[in-house]
Amino acid sequence: MKIFLRHVLINLLVLYFTDIFYPGFALPHDLKTLLSASVIWLLLNKIVKPVIKLLLLPINLITLNLFSWVISLLTLFLLQTLVEGIRITSYAFPGANFEGFVIPPIFIGVFLSYILTSTFLNAFHSFVFWLIRKDSE
């Protein structure tokens, strides 16, 4: 039970950070929605994702595991359909200019927004687990 609660709190933190960091991912900031989203995301990652990986194993072997991002996108899409209030939308990046380094304005469509949200969720999740592992040593 302790491990389950730890994973739920980590998922809650990761979902909250992704919502703050990436404007294309919107999540209501009430406790009920955050807790339900973190529990459902945990169940999707622990139960549904291995089943999808097993079903798509031949494609994953052929593409040398490059197809695994599609599995992450599927779990993110399932999370969005199961939890009321999660929205993944297109986003217009206004561009940036920092001491001569210019990033032009970019329109990020819905599909690319799904990819970026999945990437941010997985990166924040790995980073938090890395921090916890470093702290426990």
C-alpha atoms as a PDB file:
ATOM      1  CA  MET A   1       0.000   0.000   0.000  1.00  0.00           C
ATOM      2  CA  LYS A   2       2.914   2.306   0.771  1.00  0.00           C
ATOM      3  CA  ILE A   3       4.403   1.775  -2.685  1.00  0.00           C
ATOM      4  CA  PHE A   4       1.023   2.363  -4.340  1.00  0.00           C
ATOM      5  CA  LEU A   5       0.580   5.680  -2.491  1.00  0.00           C
ATOM      6  CA  ARG A   6       4.131   6.718  -3.371  1.00  0.00           C
ATOM      7  CA  HIS A   7       3.492   6.047  -7.067  1.00  0.00           C
ATOM      8  CA  VAL A   8       0.167   7.914  -6.934  1.00  0.00           C
ATOM      9  CA  LEU A   9       1.841  10.955  -5.360  1.00  0.00           C
ATOM     10  CA  ILE A  10       4.677  10.855  -7.887  1.00  0.00           C
ATOM     11  CA  ASN A  11       2.165  10.668 -10.751  1.00  0.00           C
ATOM     12  CA  LEU A  12       0.212  13.551  -9.230  1.00  0.00           C
ATOM     13  CA  LEU A  13       3.387  15.627  -9.068  1.00  0.00           C
ATOM     14  CA  VAL A  14       4.360  14.728 -12.635  1.00  0.00           C
ATOM     15  CA  LEU A  15       0.912  15.571 -14.017  1.00  0.00           C
ATOM     16  CA  TYR A  16       0.944  18.891 -12.174  1.00  0.00           C
ATOM     17  CA  PHE A  17       4.435  19.812 -13.427  1.00  0.00           C
ATOM     18  CA  THR A  18       3.504  18.908 -16.993  1.00  0.00           C
ATOM     19  CA  ASP A  19       0.397  21.056 -16.739  1.00  0.00           C
ATOM     20  CA  ILE A  20       2.468  24.004 -15.526  1.00  0.00           C
ATOM     21  CA  PHE A  21       5.341  23.516 -17.983  1.00  0.00           C
ATOM     22  CA  TYR A  22       3.489  22.771 -21.237  1.00  0.00           C
ATOM     23  CA  PRO A  23       0.501  24.961 -22.221  1.00  0.00           C
ATOM     24  CA  GLY A  24      -0.912  22.375 -24.653  1.00  0.00           C
ATOM     25  CA  PHE A  25      -1.777  20.074 -21.710  1.00  0.00           C
ATOM     26  CA  ALA A  26      -4.604  21.329 -19.512  1.00  0.00           C
ATOM     27  CA  LEU A  27      -5.639  19.687 -16.265  1.00  0.00           C
ATOM     28  CA  PRO A  28      -8.108  21.090 -13.702  1.00  0.00           C
ATOM     29  CA  HIS A  29      -6.374  21.947 -10.444  1.00  0.00           C
ATOM     30  CA  ASP A  30      -8.900  20.399  -8.079  1.00  0.00           C
ATOM     31  CA  LEU A  31      -7.788  17.578  -5.833  1.00  0.00           C
ATOM     32  CA  LYS A  32     -10.405  15.089  -7.022  1.00  0.00           C
ATOM     33  CA  THR A  33      -9.382  15.359 -10.678  1.00  0.00           C
ATOM     34  CA  LEU A  34      -5.666  15.281  -9.886  1.00  0.00           C
ATOM     35  CA  LEU A  35      -6.001  12.186  -7.688  1.00  0.00           C
ATOM     36  CA  SER A  36      -8.236  10.341 -10.142  1.00  0.00           C
ATOM     37  CA  ALA A  37      -5.902  11.197 -13.033  1.00  0.00           C
ATOM     38  CA  SER A  38      -2.831  10.010 -11.126  1.00  0.00           C
ATOM     39  CA  VAL A  39      -4.503   6.738 -10.055  1.00  0.00           C
ATOM     40  CA  ILE A  40      -5.797   6.046 -13.565  1.00  0.00           C
ATOM     41  CA  TRP A  41      -2.419   6.900 -15.109  1.00  0.00           C
ATOM     42  CA  LEU A  42      -0.744   4.528 -12.653  1.00  0.00           C
ATOM     43  CA  LEU A  43      -3.164   1.729 -13.563  1.00  0.00           C
ATOM     44  CA  LEU A  44      -2.710   2.413 -17.262  1.00  0.00           C
ATOM     45  CA  ASN A  45       1.086   2.265 -16.930  1.00  0.00           C
ATOM     46  CA  LYS A  46       1.112  -0.860 -14.753  1.00  0.00           C
ATOM     47  CA  ILE A  47      -1.685  -2.918 -16.352  1.00  0.00           C
ATOM     48  CA  VAL A  48      -2.692  -1.660 -19.795  1.00  0.00           C
ATOM     49  CA  LYS A  49       0.710  -0.570 -21.115  1.00  0.00           C
ATOM     50  CA  PRO A  50       2.338  -4.032 -20.721  1.00  0.00           C
ATOM     51  CA  VAL A  51      -0.624  -5.618 -22.530  1.00  0.00           C
ATOM     52  CA  ILE A  52      -0.312  -3.145 -25.397  1.00  0.00           C
ATOM     53  CA  LYS A  53       3.462  -3.757 -25.478  1.00  0.00           C
ATOM     54  CA  LEU A  54       2.843  -7.479 -25.728  1.00  0.00           C
ATOM     55  CA  LEU A  55       0.326  -7.040 -28.545  1.00  0.00           C
ATOM     56  CA  LEU A  56       2.644  -4.735 -30.484  1.00  0.00           C
ATOM     57  CA  LEU A  57       5.789  -6.760 -29.786  1.00  0.00           C
ATOM     58  CA  PRO A  58       6.374  -7.848 -33.420  1.00  0.00           C
ATOM     59  CA  ILE A  59       6.160  -4.263 -34.677  1.00  0.00           C
ATOM     60  CA  ASN A  60       8.386  -3.111 -31.834  1.00  0.00           C
ATOM     61  CA  LEU A  61      10.989  -5.751 -32.670  1.00  0.00           C
ATOM     62  CA  ILE A  62      10.987  -4.838 -36.344  1.00  0.00           C
ATOM     63  CA  THR A  63      11.444  -1.126 -35.605  1.00  0.00           C
ATOM     64  CA  LEU A  64      14.039  -1.779 -32.866  1.00  0.00           C
ATOM     65  CA  ASN A  65      11.801  -0.305 -30.149  1.00  0.00           C
ATOM     66  CA  LEU A  66      11.162   2.930 -32.053  1.00  0.00           C
ATOM     67  CA  PHE A  67       7.451   2.140 -31.993  1.00  0.00           C
ATOM     68  CA  SER A  68       7.333   2.437 -28.197  1.00  0.00           C
ATOM     69  CA  TRP A  69       6.364   6.117 -28.395  1.00  0.00           C
ATOM     70  CA  VAL A  70       3.094   5.015 -30.002  1.00  0.00           C
ATOM     71  CA  ILE A  71       2.391   2.946 -26.891  1.00  0.00           C
ATOM     72  CA  SER A  72       2.938   6.029 -24.730  1.00  0.00           C
ATOM     73  CA  LEU A  73       0.599   7.996 -26.978  1.00  0.00           C
ATOM     74  CA  LEU A  74      -2.070   5.305 -26.641  1.00  0.00           C
ATOM     75  CA  THR A  75      -1.877   5.375 -22.850  1.00  0.00           C
ATOM     76  CA  LEU A  76      -2.057   9.178 -22.890  1.00  0.00           C
ATOM     77  CA  PHE A  77      -5.104   9.059 -25.161  1.00  0.00           C
ATOM     78  CA  LEU A  78      -6.742   6.519 -22.835  1.00  0.00           C
ATOM     79  CA  LEU A  79      -5.979   8.785 -19.868  1.00  0.00           C
ATOM     80  CA  GLN A  80      -7.622  11.704 -21.630  1.00  0.00           C
ATOM     81  CA  THR A  81     -10.751   9.695 -22.454  1.00  0.00           C
ATOM     82  CA  LEU A  82     -11.069   8.180 -18.967  1.00  0.00           C
ATOM     83  CA  VAL A  83     -10.505  11.333 -16.900  1.00  0.00           C
ATOM     84  CA  GLU A  84     -12.956  14.180 -17.296  1.00  0.00           C
ATOM     85  CA  GLY A  85     -11.256  17.543 -17.708  1.00  0.00           C
ATOM     86  CA  ILE A  86      -7.904  16.607 -19.245  1.00  0.00           C
ATOM     87  CA  ARG A  87      -7.426  18.431 -22.529  1.00  0.00           C
ATOM     88  CA  ILE A  88      -4.581  18.181 -25.004  1.00  0.00           C
ATOM     89  CA  THR A  89      -4.880  20.964 -27.533  1.00  0.00           C
ATOM     90  CA  SER A  90      -2.869  22.619 -30.253  1.00  0.00           C
ATOM     91  CA  TYR A  91      -0.540  25.379 -29.172  1.00  0.00           C
ATOM     92  CA  ALA A  92       0.993  28.370 -30.911  1.00  0.00           C
ATOM     93  CA  PHE A  93       4.521  28.880 -29.594  1.00  0.00           C
ATOM     94  CA  PRO A  94       5.207  32.638 -29.858  1.00  0.00           C
ATOM     95  CA  GLY A  95       8.947  32.256 -30.363  1.00  0.00           C
ATOM     96  CA  ALA A  96      11.877  33.300 -28.223  1.00  0.00           C
ATOM     97  CA  ASN A  97      14.909  35.534 -28.478  1.00  0.00           C
ATOM     98  CA  PHE A  98      17.805  35.244 -26.061  1.00  0.00           C
ATOM     99  CA  GLU A  99      20.993  37.219 -26.733  1.00  0.00           C
ATOM    100  CA  GLY A 100      20.959  36.677 -30.466  1.00  0.00           C
ATOM    101  CA  PHE A 101      19.666  33.110 -30.319  1.00  0.00           C
ATOM    102  CA  VAL A 102      16.273  33.146 -32.036  1.00  0.00           C
ATOM    103  CA  ILE A 103      13.616  30.432 -31.959  1.00  0.00           C
ATOM    104  CA  PRO A 104      10.955  31.274 -34.543  1.00  0.00           C
ATOM    105  CA  PRO A 105       7.225  31.054 -33.802  1.00  0.00           C
ATOM    106  CA  ILE A 106       5.859  27.542 -34.343  1.00  0.00           C
ATOM    107  CA  PHE A 107       2.325  26.205 -34.490  1.00  0.00           C
ATOM    108  CA  ILE A 108       2.106  22.874 -32.701  1.00  0.00           C
ATOM    109  CA  GLY A 109      -0.814  20.774 -33.912  1.00  0.00           C
ATOM    110  CA  VAL A 110      -2.778  18.284 -31.861  1.00  0.00           C
ATOM    111  CA  PHE A 111      -0.729  15.248 -32.888  1.00  0.00           C
ATOM    112  CA  LEU A 112       2.569  16.949 -32.093  1.00  0.00           C
ATOM    113  CA  SER A 113       1.014  18.183 -28.858  1.00  0.00           C
ATOM    114  CA  TYR A 114       0.233  14.572 -27.910  1.00  0.00           C
ATOM    115  CA  ILE A 115       3.849  13.638 -28.650  1.00  0.00           C
ATOM    116  CA  LEU A 116       5.233  16.550 -26.610  1.00  0.00           C
ATOM    117  CA  THR A 117       2.883  15.884 -23.687  1.00  0.00           C
ATOM    118  CA  SER A 118       3.853  12.219 -23.650  1.00  0.00           C
ATOM    119  CA  THR A 119       7.527  13.159 -23.818  1.00  0.00           C
ATOM    120  CA  PHE A 120       7.219  15.652 -20.958  1.00  0.00           C
ATOM    121  CA  LEU A 121       5.254  13.193 -18.815  1.00  0.00           C
ATOM    122  CA  ASN A 122       7.841  10.456 -19.335  1.00  0.00           C
ATOM    123  CA  ALA A 123      10.794  12.823 -18.832  1.00  0.00           C
ATOM    124  CA  PHE A 124       9.391  14.303 -15.606  1.00  0.00           C
ATOM    125  CA  HIS A 125       8.499  10.813 -14.381  1.00  0.00           C
ATOM    126  CA  SER A 126      12.037   9.550 -15.013  1.00  0.00           C
ATOM    127  CA  PHE A 127      13.531  12.661 -13.412  1.00  0.00           C
ATOM    128  CA  VAL A 128      11.455  12.298 -10.227  1.00  0.00           C
ATOM    129  CA  PHE A 129      12.376   8.626  -9.914  1.00  0.00           C
ATOM    130  CA  TRP A 130      16.024   9.552 -10.471  1.00  0.00           C
ATOM    131  CA  LEU A 131      15.784  12.120  -7.663  1.00  0.00           C
ATOM    132  CA  ILE A 132      14.190   9.595  -5.329  1.00  0.00           C
ATOM    133  CA  ARG A 133      16.821   6.988  -6.135  1.00  0.00           C
ATOM    134  CA  LYS A 134      19.624   9.499  -5.504  1.00  0.00           C
ATOM    135  CA  ASP A 135      17.997  10.547  -2.227  1.00  0.00           C
ATOM    136  CA  SER A 136      17.698   6.994  -0.908  1.00  0.00           C
ATOM    137  CA  GLU A 137      21.381   6.132  -1.447  1.00  0.00           C
END
